[in-house]
N, C-alpha and C. Protein backbone atom coordinates (compact mmCIF):
# COMPACT_ATOMS: atom_id res chain seq x y z
N MET A 1 -0.89 11.80 24.34
CA MET A 1 -1.38 11.46 23.00
C MET A 1 -0.48 10.40 22.37
N GLY A 2 -0.87 9.16 22.51
CA GLY A 2 -0.07 8.07 21.97
C GLY A 2 -0.56 7.62 20.61
N THR A 3 0.21 6.74 20.03
CA THR A 3 -0.14 6.18 18.73
C THR A 3 -0.49 4.70 18.90
N LEU A 4 -1.57 4.30 18.25
CA LEU A 4 -1.94 2.88 18.17
C LEU A 4 -1.55 2.42 16.77
N LEU A 5 -0.82 1.33 16.71
CA LEU A 5 -0.41 0.76 15.44
C LEU A 5 -1.16 -0.54 15.22
N VAL A 6 -1.90 -0.61 14.12
CA VAL A 6 -2.63 -1.84 13.78
C VAL A 6 -1.86 -2.53 12.65
N VAL A 7 -1.39 -3.74 12.94
CA VAL A 7 -0.68 -4.52 11.93
C VAL A 7 -1.55 -5.74 11.65
N GLY A 8 -2.19 -5.72 10.49
CA GLY A 8 -3.14 -6.77 10.18
C GLY A 8 -3.14 -7.15 8.72
N ASP A 9 -4.18 -7.91 8.36
CA ASP A 9 -4.34 -8.36 6.98
C ASP A 9 -5.58 -7.69 6.38
N SER A 10 -6.21 -8.34 5.41
CA SER A 10 -7.34 -7.74 4.70
C SER A 10 -8.50 -7.36 5.62
N ILE A 11 -8.66 -8.07 6.73
CA ILE A 11 -9.77 -7.78 7.64
C ILE A 11 -9.61 -6.39 8.24
N SER A 12 -8.40 -6.03 8.60
CA SER A 12 -8.15 -4.69 9.15
C SER A 12 -7.90 -3.66 8.06
N ALA A 13 -7.57 -4.12 6.85
CA ALA A 13 -7.38 -3.21 5.71
C ALA A 13 -8.72 -2.89 5.04
N ALA A 14 -9.83 -3.39 5.60
CA ALA A 14 -11.18 -3.15 5.08
C ALA A 14 -11.33 -3.60 3.63
N PHE A 15 -10.81 -4.79 3.34
CA PHE A 15 -10.88 -5.34 1.99
C PHE A 15 -12.31 -5.34 1.47
N GLY A 16 -12.50 -4.86 0.24
CA GLY A 16 -13.83 -4.86 -0.38
C GLY A 16 -14.73 -3.74 0.09
N LEU A 17 -14.23 -2.89 0.98
CA LEU A 17 -15.02 -1.77 1.51
C LEU A 17 -14.25 -0.48 1.29
N ASP A 18 -14.93 0.64 1.46
CA ASP A 18 -14.25 1.93 1.53
C ASP A 18 -13.49 1.89 2.85
N SER A 19 -12.22 2.29 2.85
CA SER A 19 -11.41 2.18 4.08
C SER A 19 -12.04 2.94 5.25
N ARG A 20 -12.86 3.97 4.95
CA ARG A 20 -13.50 4.73 6.03
C ARG A 20 -14.61 3.94 6.73
N GLN A 21 -15.00 2.80 6.13
CA GLN A 21 -16.05 1.97 6.72
C GLN A 21 -15.47 0.87 7.60
N GLY A 22 -14.18 0.64 7.52
CA GLY A 22 -13.55 -0.47 8.23
C GLY A 22 -13.49 -0.25 9.73
N TRP A 23 -13.26 -1.33 10.47
CA TRP A 23 -13.27 -1.26 11.94
C TRP A 23 -12.17 -0.36 12.47
N VAL A 24 -11.05 -0.26 11.76
CA VAL A 24 -9.95 0.59 12.25
C VAL A 24 -10.34 2.06 12.15
N ALA A 25 -11.03 2.44 11.07
CA ALA A 25 -11.52 3.82 10.94
C ALA A 25 -12.57 4.10 12.03
N LEU A 26 -13.41 3.11 12.30
CA LEU A 26 -14.42 3.26 13.36
C LEU A 26 -13.75 3.37 14.73
N LEU A 27 -12.62 2.69 14.91
CA LEU A 27 -11.86 2.79 16.16
C LEU A 27 -11.37 4.22 16.36
N GLU A 28 -10.86 4.82 15.31
CA GLU A 28 -10.39 6.20 15.38
C GLU A 28 -11.51 7.12 15.85
N LYS A 29 -12.68 6.91 15.26
CA LYS A 29 -13.86 7.71 15.61
C LYS A 29 -14.24 7.50 17.08
N ARG A 30 -14.26 6.25 17.52
CA ARG A 30 -14.64 5.92 18.89
C ARG A 30 -13.66 6.54 19.89
N LEU A 31 -12.37 6.46 19.60
CA LEU A 31 -11.36 7.06 20.48
C LEU A 31 -11.65 8.54 20.68
N SER A 32 -11.92 9.21 19.59
CA SER A 32 -12.20 10.64 19.63
C SER A 32 -13.48 10.93 20.42
N GLU A 33 -14.53 10.15 20.15
CA GLU A 33 -15.82 10.34 20.85
C GLU A 33 -15.68 10.11 22.35
N GLU A 34 -14.80 9.20 22.75
CA GLU A 34 -14.63 8.87 24.17
C GLU A 34 -13.54 9.72 24.84
N GLY A 35 -13.03 10.69 24.09
CA GLY A 35 -12.07 11.63 24.68
C GLY A 35 -10.63 11.17 24.72
N PHE A 36 -10.30 10.12 23.99
CA PHE A 36 -8.90 9.67 23.93
C PHE A 36 -8.21 10.41 22.79
N GLU A 37 -7.04 10.95 23.06
CA GLU A 37 -6.33 11.72 22.03
C GLU A 37 -5.25 10.87 21.37
N HIS A 38 -5.62 9.69 20.97
CA HIS A 38 -4.67 8.78 20.33
C HIS A 38 -4.81 8.86 18.82
N SER A 39 -3.70 8.73 18.13
CA SER A 39 -3.78 8.61 16.68
C SER A 39 -3.67 7.12 16.34
N VAL A 40 -4.23 6.75 15.21
CA VAL A 40 -4.22 5.35 14.79
C VAL A 40 -3.50 5.25 13.45
N VAL A 41 -2.53 4.37 13.39
CA VAL A 41 -1.83 4.09 12.14
C VAL A 41 -2.25 2.69 11.71
N ASN A 42 -2.90 2.60 10.55
CA ASN A 42 -3.32 1.30 10.05
C ASN A 42 -2.30 0.80 9.04
N ALA A 43 -1.46 -0.13 9.48
CA ALA A 43 -0.41 -0.69 8.62
C ALA A 43 -0.81 -2.09 8.17
N SER A 44 -2.10 -2.26 7.88
CA SER A 44 -2.61 -3.58 7.47
C SER A 44 -2.51 -3.72 5.96
N ILE A 45 -2.18 -4.93 5.52
CA ILE A 45 -2.02 -5.22 4.10
C ILE A 45 -2.82 -6.48 3.76
N SER A 46 -3.69 -6.36 2.77
CA SER A 46 -4.47 -7.53 2.34
C SER A 46 -3.53 -8.66 1.94
N GLY A 47 -3.85 -9.86 2.40
CA GLY A 47 -3.06 -11.03 2.05
C GLY A 47 -1.85 -11.25 2.93
N ASP A 48 -1.60 -10.35 3.88
CA ASP A 48 -0.39 -10.48 4.70
C ASP A 48 -0.48 -11.68 5.63
N THR A 49 0.68 -12.26 5.90
CA THR A 49 0.79 -13.39 6.82
C THR A 49 1.58 -12.94 8.05
N SER A 50 1.66 -13.81 9.03
CA SER A 50 2.44 -13.49 10.23
C SER A 50 3.91 -13.29 9.87
N ALA A 51 4.42 -14.02 8.87
CA ALA A 51 5.82 -13.84 8.45
C ALA A 51 6.02 -12.45 7.88
N GLY A 52 5.07 -12.00 7.06
CA GLY A 52 5.15 -10.65 6.48
C GLY A 52 5.09 -9.58 7.56
N GLY A 53 4.19 -9.77 8.51
CA GLY A 53 4.06 -8.81 9.61
C GLY A 53 5.31 -8.75 10.45
N ALA A 54 5.89 -9.91 10.74
CA ALA A 54 7.11 -9.96 11.55
C ALA A 54 8.26 -9.27 10.82
N ALA A 55 8.31 -9.43 9.50
CA ALA A 55 9.39 -8.84 8.70
C ALA A 55 9.30 -7.32 8.63
N ARG A 56 8.09 -6.77 8.59
CA ARG A 56 7.97 -5.32 8.41
C ARG A 56 7.75 -4.55 9.71
N LEU A 57 7.59 -5.26 10.82
CA LEU A 57 7.25 -4.59 12.07
C LEU A 57 8.35 -3.66 12.58
N SER A 58 9.59 -4.07 12.50
CA SER A 58 10.70 -3.28 13.02
C SER A 58 10.69 -1.86 12.45
N ALA A 59 10.53 -1.74 11.14
CA ALA A 59 10.50 -0.42 10.49
C ALA A 59 9.28 0.39 10.95
N LEU A 60 8.15 -0.28 11.12
CA LEU A 60 6.93 0.41 11.58
C LEU A 60 7.10 0.94 13.00
N LEU A 61 7.72 0.13 13.86
CA LEU A 61 7.95 0.55 15.25
C LEU A 61 8.88 1.76 15.29
N ALA A 62 9.92 1.73 14.46
CA ALA A 62 10.89 2.84 14.42
C ALA A 62 10.22 4.11 13.90
N GLU A 63 9.37 3.97 12.89
CA GLU A 63 8.74 5.14 12.28
C GLU A 63 7.66 5.75 13.16
N HIS A 64 6.81 4.91 13.76
CA HIS A 64 5.61 5.43 14.44
C HIS A 64 5.72 5.47 15.96
N LYS A 65 6.69 4.78 16.54
CA LYS A 65 6.88 4.74 18.00
C LYS A 65 5.55 4.58 18.75
N PRO A 66 4.82 3.50 18.47
CA PRO A 66 3.49 3.34 19.07
C PRO A 66 3.53 3.04 20.57
N GLU A 67 2.47 3.45 21.22
CA GLU A 67 2.26 3.14 22.63
C GLU A 67 1.66 1.73 22.73
N LEU A 68 0.91 1.37 21.68
CA LEU A 68 0.21 0.09 21.68
C LEU A 68 0.18 -0.47 20.26
N VAL A 69 0.44 -1.77 20.16
CA VAL A 69 0.39 -2.45 18.86
C VAL A 69 -0.73 -3.48 18.90
N ILE A 70 -1.63 -3.38 17.93
CA ILE A 70 -2.71 -4.36 17.77
C ILE A 70 -2.29 -5.29 16.63
N ILE A 71 -2.15 -6.58 16.96
CA ILE A 71 -1.72 -7.56 15.95
C ILE A 71 -2.93 -8.39 15.52
N GLU A 72 -3.28 -8.25 14.23
CA GLU A 72 -4.41 -8.99 13.67
C GLU A 72 -3.88 -9.76 12.46
N LEU A 73 -3.16 -10.82 12.74
CA LEU A 73 -2.59 -11.64 11.67
C LEU A 73 -2.76 -13.11 12.01
N GLY A 74 -2.68 -13.95 10.99
CA GLY A 74 -2.79 -15.39 11.20
C GLY A 74 -3.83 -16.03 10.30
N GLY A 75 -4.86 -15.27 9.94
CA GLY A 75 -5.90 -15.83 9.08
C GLY A 75 -5.36 -16.39 7.77
N ASN A 76 -4.48 -15.62 7.12
CA ASN A 76 -3.91 -16.08 5.85
C ASN A 76 -2.96 -17.25 6.05
N ASP A 77 -2.26 -17.27 7.18
CA ASP A 77 -1.40 -18.44 7.49
C ASP A 77 -2.28 -19.68 7.53
N GLY A 78 -3.42 -19.57 8.22
CA GLY A 78 -4.33 -20.69 8.37
C GLY A 78 -4.93 -21.14 7.06
N LEU A 79 -5.39 -20.16 6.26
CA LEU A 79 -6.01 -20.50 4.98
C LEU A 79 -5.01 -21.16 4.03
N ARG A 80 -3.73 -20.89 4.23
CA ARG A 80 -2.68 -21.51 3.41
C ARG A 80 -2.15 -22.80 4.03
N GLY A 81 -2.70 -23.17 5.18
CA GLY A 81 -2.28 -24.41 5.83
C GLY A 81 -0.88 -24.38 6.41
N GLN A 82 -0.40 -23.19 6.77
CA GLN A 82 0.94 -23.07 7.38
C GLN A 82 0.95 -23.77 8.74
N PRO A 83 2.07 -24.34 9.14
CA PRO A 83 2.14 -25.00 10.45
C PRO A 83 1.87 -24.03 11.60
N PRO A 84 1.01 -24.40 12.56
CA PRO A 84 0.74 -23.53 13.70
C PRO A 84 2.01 -23.12 14.45
N ALA A 85 3.02 -23.99 14.49
CA ALA A 85 4.27 -23.65 15.19
C ALA A 85 4.96 -22.46 14.53
N GLN A 86 4.85 -22.39 13.21
CA GLN A 86 5.44 -21.27 12.46
C GLN A 86 4.67 -19.98 12.78
N LEU A 87 3.35 -20.08 12.82
CA LEU A 87 2.51 -18.93 13.18
C LEU A 87 2.90 -18.43 14.57
N GLN A 88 3.03 -19.36 15.50
CA GLN A 88 3.37 -18.99 16.88
C GLN A 88 4.72 -18.29 16.93
N GLN A 89 5.69 -18.81 16.21
CA GLN A 89 7.03 -18.22 16.18
C GLN A 89 6.98 -16.79 15.63
N ASN A 90 6.27 -16.59 14.52
CA ASN A 90 6.18 -15.26 13.91
C ASN A 90 5.46 -14.26 14.81
N LEU A 91 4.35 -14.69 15.40
CA LEU A 91 3.60 -13.79 16.29
C LEU A 91 4.42 -13.49 17.55
N ALA A 92 5.14 -14.49 18.06
CA ALA A 92 5.99 -14.27 19.24
C ALA A 92 7.05 -13.23 18.92
N SER A 93 7.62 -13.30 17.73
CA SER A 93 8.62 -12.32 17.31
C SER A 93 8.00 -10.92 17.28
N MET A 94 6.78 -10.80 16.78
CA MET A 94 6.10 -9.50 16.72
C MET A 94 5.83 -8.96 18.12
N VAL A 95 5.40 -9.83 19.01
CA VAL A 95 5.12 -9.42 20.40
C VAL A 95 6.42 -8.93 21.05
N GLU A 96 7.49 -9.71 20.88
CA GLU A 96 8.78 -9.35 21.49
C GLU A 96 9.31 -8.04 20.94
N GLN A 97 9.24 -7.87 19.61
CA GLN A 97 9.71 -6.62 19.00
C GLN A 97 8.93 -5.43 19.56
N SER A 98 7.61 -5.59 19.68
CA SER A 98 6.76 -4.51 20.18
C SER A 98 7.10 -4.18 21.63
N GLN A 99 7.25 -5.22 22.44
CA GLN A 99 7.56 -5.01 23.86
C GLN A 99 8.93 -4.37 24.03
N GLN A 100 9.90 -4.79 23.24
CA GLN A 100 11.24 -4.19 23.31
C GLN A 100 11.21 -2.72 22.92
N ALA A 101 10.24 -2.35 22.08
CA ALA A 101 10.10 -0.95 21.66
C ALA A 101 9.27 -0.16 22.68
N GLY A 102 8.87 -0.82 23.77
CA GLY A 102 8.13 -0.14 24.82
C GLY A 102 6.62 -0.06 24.61
N ALA A 103 6.12 -0.84 23.67
CA ALA A 103 4.68 -0.81 23.37
C ALA A 103 3.94 -1.94 24.08
N LYS A 104 2.69 -1.66 24.46
CA LYS A 104 1.79 -2.72 24.93
C LYS A 104 1.30 -3.45 23.68
N VAL A 105 0.83 -4.68 23.87
CA VAL A 105 0.37 -5.48 22.73
C VAL A 105 -1.02 -6.02 22.99
N LEU A 106 -1.87 -5.90 21.97
CA LEU A 106 -3.19 -6.54 21.98
C LEU A 106 -3.21 -7.50 20.79
N LEU A 107 -3.42 -8.76 21.10
CA LEU A 107 -3.45 -9.81 20.09
C LEU A 107 -4.91 -10.14 19.77
N LEU A 108 -5.24 -10.14 18.48
CA LEU A 108 -6.60 -10.49 18.06
C LEU A 108 -6.59 -11.93 17.55
N GLY A 109 -7.26 -12.80 18.27
CA GLY A 109 -7.26 -14.22 17.95
C GLY A 109 -8.14 -14.55 16.76
N MET A 110 -7.75 -15.59 16.05
CA MET A 110 -8.49 -16.07 14.88
C MET A 110 -8.83 -17.53 15.06
N LYS A 111 -9.90 -17.92 14.41
CA LYS A 111 -10.26 -19.34 14.32
C LYS A 111 -10.53 -19.64 12.85
N LEU A 112 -10.33 -20.88 12.47
CA LEU A 112 -10.53 -21.29 11.08
C LEU A 112 -11.83 -22.05 10.92
N PRO A 113 -12.38 -22.06 9.68
CA PRO A 113 -13.57 -22.87 9.44
C PRO A 113 -13.25 -24.35 9.68
N PRO A 114 -14.26 -25.13 10.08
CA PRO A 114 -14.03 -26.53 10.45
C PRO A 114 -13.52 -27.42 9.32
N ASN A 115 -13.65 -26.99 8.06
CA ASN A 115 -13.22 -27.84 6.95
C ASN A 115 -11.71 -28.07 6.90
N TYR A 116 -10.96 -27.41 7.79
CA TYR A 116 -9.51 -27.64 7.84
C TYR A 116 -9.16 -28.82 8.76
N GLY A 117 -10.18 -29.40 9.37
CA GLY A 117 -9.95 -30.57 10.23
C GLY A 117 -9.76 -30.16 11.68
N VAL A 118 -10.25 -30.99 12.57
CA VAL A 118 -10.27 -30.68 14.00
C VAL A 118 -8.87 -30.44 14.56
N ARG A 119 -7.93 -31.32 14.20
CA ARG A 119 -6.58 -31.19 14.77
C ARG A 119 -5.94 -29.86 14.42
N TYR A 120 -6.03 -29.50 13.13
CA TYR A 120 -5.40 -28.26 12.67
C TYR A 120 -6.10 -27.03 13.25
N THR A 121 -7.43 -27.01 13.18
CA THR A 121 -8.16 -25.82 13.66
C THR A 121 -7.97 -25.62 15.16
N THR A 122 -7.89 -26.71 15.91
CA THR A 122 -7.67 -26.61 17.36
C THR A 122 -6.26 -26.09 17.65
N ALA A 123 -5.27 -26.65 16.98
CA ALA A 123 -3.88 -26.21 17.16
C ALA A 123 -3.72 -24.75 16.76
N PHE A 124 -4.39 -24.37 15.67
CA PHE A 124 -4.32 -22.99 15.17
C PHE A 124 -4.88 -22.01 16.21
N ALA A 125 -6.08 -22.30 16.71
CA ALA A 125 -6.72 -21.41 17.70
C ALA A 125 -5.90 -21.34 18.99
N GLN A 126 -5.27 -22.46 19.34
CA GLN A 126 -4.49 -22.54 20.57
C GLN A 126 -3.26 -21.63 20.55
N VAL A 127 -2.74 -21.36 19.35
CA VAL A 127 -1.56 -20.50 19.21
C VAL A 127 -1.80 -19.16 19.92
N PHE A 128 -2.97 -18.59 19.71
CA PHE A 128 -3.26 -17.25 20.24
C PHE A 128 -3.36 -17.26 21.77
N THR A 129 -4.08 -18.24 22.33
CA THR A 129 -4.22 -18.30 23.79
C THR A 129 -2.90 -18.62 24.46
N ASP A 130 -2.14 -19.55 23.88
CA ASP A 130 -0.83 -19.90 24.44
C ASP A 130 0.11 -18.70 24.44
N LEU A 131 0.14 -18.01 23.31
CA LEU A 131 1.05 -16.87 23.16
C LEU A 131 0.70 -15.74 24.13
N ALA A 132 -0.60 -15.46 24.25
CA ALA A 132 -1.03 -14.39 25.16
C ALA A 132 -0.61 -14.72 26.59
N GLU A 133 -0.73 -16.00 26.95
CA GLU A 133 -0.34 -16.44 28.29
C GLU A 133 1.17 -16.35 28.49
N GLN A 134 1.91 -16.89 27.55
CA GLN A 134 3.38 -16.91 27.65
C GLN A 134 3.98 -15.52 27.69
N LYS A 135 3.46 -14.63 26.86
CA LYS A 135 4.05 -13.29 26.72
C LYS A 135 3.33 -12.24 27.57
N GLN A 136 2.31 -12.69 28.32
CA GLN A 136 1.56 -11.77 29.19
C GLN A 136 1.00 -10.58 28.41
N VAL A 137 0.33 -10.86 27.29
CA VAL A 137 -0.30 -9.80 26.52
C VAL A 137 -1.81 -10.00 26.49
N SER A 138 -2.52 -8.92 26.25
CA SER A 138 -3.98 -8.98 26.19
C SER A 138 -4.42 -9.67 24.91
N LEU A 139 -5.56 -10.37 25.00
CA LEU A 139 -6.06 -11.16 23.88
C LEU A 139 -7.56 -10.99 23.73
N VAL A 140 -8.00 -10.80 22.47
CA VAL A 140 -9.40 -10.96 22.11
C VAL A 140 -9.45 -12.36 21.51
N PRO A 141 -10.06 -13.35 22.23
CA PRO A 141 -9.94 -14.75 21.82
C PRO A 141 -10.37 -15.04 20.38
N PHE A 142 -11.49 -14.45 19.94
CA PHE A 142 -11.94 -14.66 18.56
C PHE A 142 -12.44 -13.33 18.01
N PHE A 143 -11.59 -12.68 17.23
CA PHE A 143 -11.87 -11.35 16.68
C PHE A 143 -13.17 -11.33 15.86
N LEU A 144 -13.48 -12.42 15.15
CA LEU A 144 -14.67 -12.46 14.29
C LEU A 144 -15.92 -12.99 15.00
N GLU A 145 -15.90 -13.00 16.33
CA GLU A 145 -17.06 -13.46 17.11
C GLU A 145 -18.32 -12.71 16.66
N GLY A 146 -19.39 -13.47 16.36
CA GLY A 146 -20.65 -12.84 15.94
C GLY A 146 -20.65 -12.38 14.49
N VAL A 147 -19.56 -12.65 13.78
CA VAL A 147 -19.41 -12.20 12.39
C VAL A 147 -19.11 -13.40 11.48
N GLY A 148 -18.08 -14.17 11.82
CA GLY A 148 -17.66 -15.30 11.00
C GLY A 148 -18.78 -16.31 10.82
N GLY A 149 -19.15 -16.57 9.57
CA GLY A 149 -20.19 -17.55 9.28
C GLY A 149 -21.61 -17.09 9.57
N VAL A 150 -21.78 -15.83 9.97
CA VAL A 150 -23.12 -15.31 10.27
C VAL A 150 -23.70 -14.69 9.00
N PRO A 151 -24.91 -15.13 8.59
CA PRO A 151 -25.51 -14.59 7.37
C PRO A 151 -25.63 -13.06 7.41
N GLY A 152 -25.25 -12.44 6.30
CA GLY A 152 -25.34 -10.98 6.19
C GLY A 152 -24.13 -10.25 6.76
N MET A 153 -23.28 -10.96 7.48
CA MET A 153 -22.12 -10.32 8.10
C MET A 153 -20.85 -10.46 7.26
N MET A 154 -20.90 -11.36 6.28
CA MET A 154 -19.72 -11.59 5.45
C MET A 154 -20.00 -11.12 4.02
N GLN A 155 -18.93 -10.75 3.32
CA GLN A 155 -19.04 -10.41 1.91
C GLN A 155 -19.31 -11.70 1.14
N ALA A 156 -19.60 -11.56 -0.15
CA ALA A 156 -19.97 -12.71 -0.98
C ALA A 156 -18.91 -13.82 -0.98
N ASP A 157 -17.64 -13.45 -0.73
CA ASP A 157 -16.58 -14.47 -0.74
C ASP A 157 -16.59 -15.36 0.51
N GLY A 158 -17.37 -14.96 1.51
CA GLY A 158 -17.47 -15.76 2.74
C GLY A 158 -16.25 -15.66 3.64
N ILE A 159 -15.26 -14.86 3.26
CA ILE A 159 -14.01 -14.74 4.02
C ILE A 159 -13.90 -13.37 4.69
N HIS A 160 -14.33 -12.34 3.97
CA HIS A 160 -14.14 -10.97 4.46
C HIS A 160 -15.42 -10.40 5.06
N PRO A 161 -15.32 -9.79 6.24
CA PRO A 161 -16.50 -9.20 6.88
C PRO A 161 -17.09 -8.06 6.04
N ALA A 162 -18.42 -8.01 6.03
CA ALA A 162 -19.15 -6.97 5.30
C ALA A 162 -19.16 -5.67 6.11
N GLU A 163 -19.67 -4.62 5.48
CA GLU A 163 -19.75 -3.32 6.16
C GLU A 163 -20.55 -3.44 7.46
N ALA A 164 -21.64 -4.22 7.41
CA ALA A 164 -22.51 -4.39 8.59
C ALA A 164 -21.76 -4.98 9.78
N ALA A 165 -20.67 -5.68 9.52
CA ALA A 165 -19.92 -6.37 10.59
C ALA A 165 -18.87 -5.49 11.27
N GLN A 166 -18.52 -4.38 10.66
CA GLN A 166 -17.38 -3.60 11.14
C GLN A 166 -17.56 -3.07 12.56
N GLU A 167 -18.75 -2.63 12.88
CA GLU A 167 -19.04 -2.13 14.23
C GLU A 167 -18.93 -3.27 15.25
N ILE A 168 -19.35 -4.47 14.85
CA ILE A 168 -19.26 -5.64 15.73
C ILE A 168 -17.78 -5.98 15.99
N LEU A 169 -16.97 -5.91 14.93
CA LEU A 169 -15.53 -6.17 15.10
C LEU A 169 -14.95 -5.19 16.12
N LEU A 170 -15.30 -3.92 15.97
CA LEU A 170 -14.81 -2.92 16.93
C LEU A 170 -15.30 -3.23 18.33
N ASP A 171 -16.57 -3.61 18.45
CA ASP A 171 -17.12 -3.95 19.77
C ASP A 171 -16.46 -5.19 20.36
N ASN A 172 -15.94 -6.08 19.52
CA ASN A 172 -15.21 -7.25 20.01
C ASN A 172 -13.86 -6.84 20.61
N VAL A 173 -13.28 -5.78 20.07
CA VAL A 173 -11.95 -5.32 20.48
C VAL A 173 -12.01 -4.33 21.65
N TRP A 174 -13.00 -3.44 21.62
CA TRP A 174 -13.04 -2.29 22.53
C TRP A 174 -12.96 -2.63 24.03
N PRO A 175 -13.72 -3.61 24.54
CA PRO A 175 -13.66 -3.88 25.98
C PRO A 175 -12.26 -4.29 26.47
N THR A 176 -11.48 -4.92 25.62
CA THR A 176 -10.12 -5.31 25.99
C THR A 176 -9.14 -4.16 25.76
N LEU A 177 -9.39 -3.40 24.70
CA LEU A 177 -8.49 -2.29 24.33
C LEU A 177 -8.60 -1.10 25.28
N LYS A 178 -9.82 -0.71 25.60
CA LYS A 178 -10.04 0.53 26.37
C LYS A 178 -9.22 0.61 27.66
N PRO A 179 -9.20 -0.45 28.50
CA PRO A 179 -8.40 -0.36 29.74
C PRO A 179 -6.89 -0.25 29.50
N MET A 180 -6.45 -0.56 28.28
CA MET A 180 -5.02 -0.50 27.97
C MET A 180 -4.56 0.91 27.62
N LEU A 181 -5.52 1.80 27.36
CA LEU A 181 -5.18 3.16 26.89
C LEU A 181 -4.79 4.08 28.03
């Protein structure tokens, strides 16, 4: 019976929804339905960046001793126009901290809307694939696949996934996550 630690931002914190409707709560339900006796700790904070996640991860690892860490950060870095190199450095630190604590890592990749310009959006998306390769960790290339920019799948702000999207988010993660358990 291991612990899964989710370190994310508003998308994993179920921003704008009842937390029981979010994909992390649905993950807990799916684990139980499929006979996995894992507990899930959702340490996601709305508005968090990769720097924030890297800063608070050490305490979370010490407290929860997870078997697996799911990292869902970077969206806010991108929306704030942070340099992709900084994102890569922060996420690399999180991966290394997790691995040193004996945990497997699942990285959830993000992509930005095209209005940030081709060079930036390409460099941003590349951070996740490069990091997964360098650190030999599992990757969901685009966590919001089938959700981002899809009518009815986003809340009115166009940034946060709606309730209808939460099951899709889980389905985007599950095929990569399940073999890691």
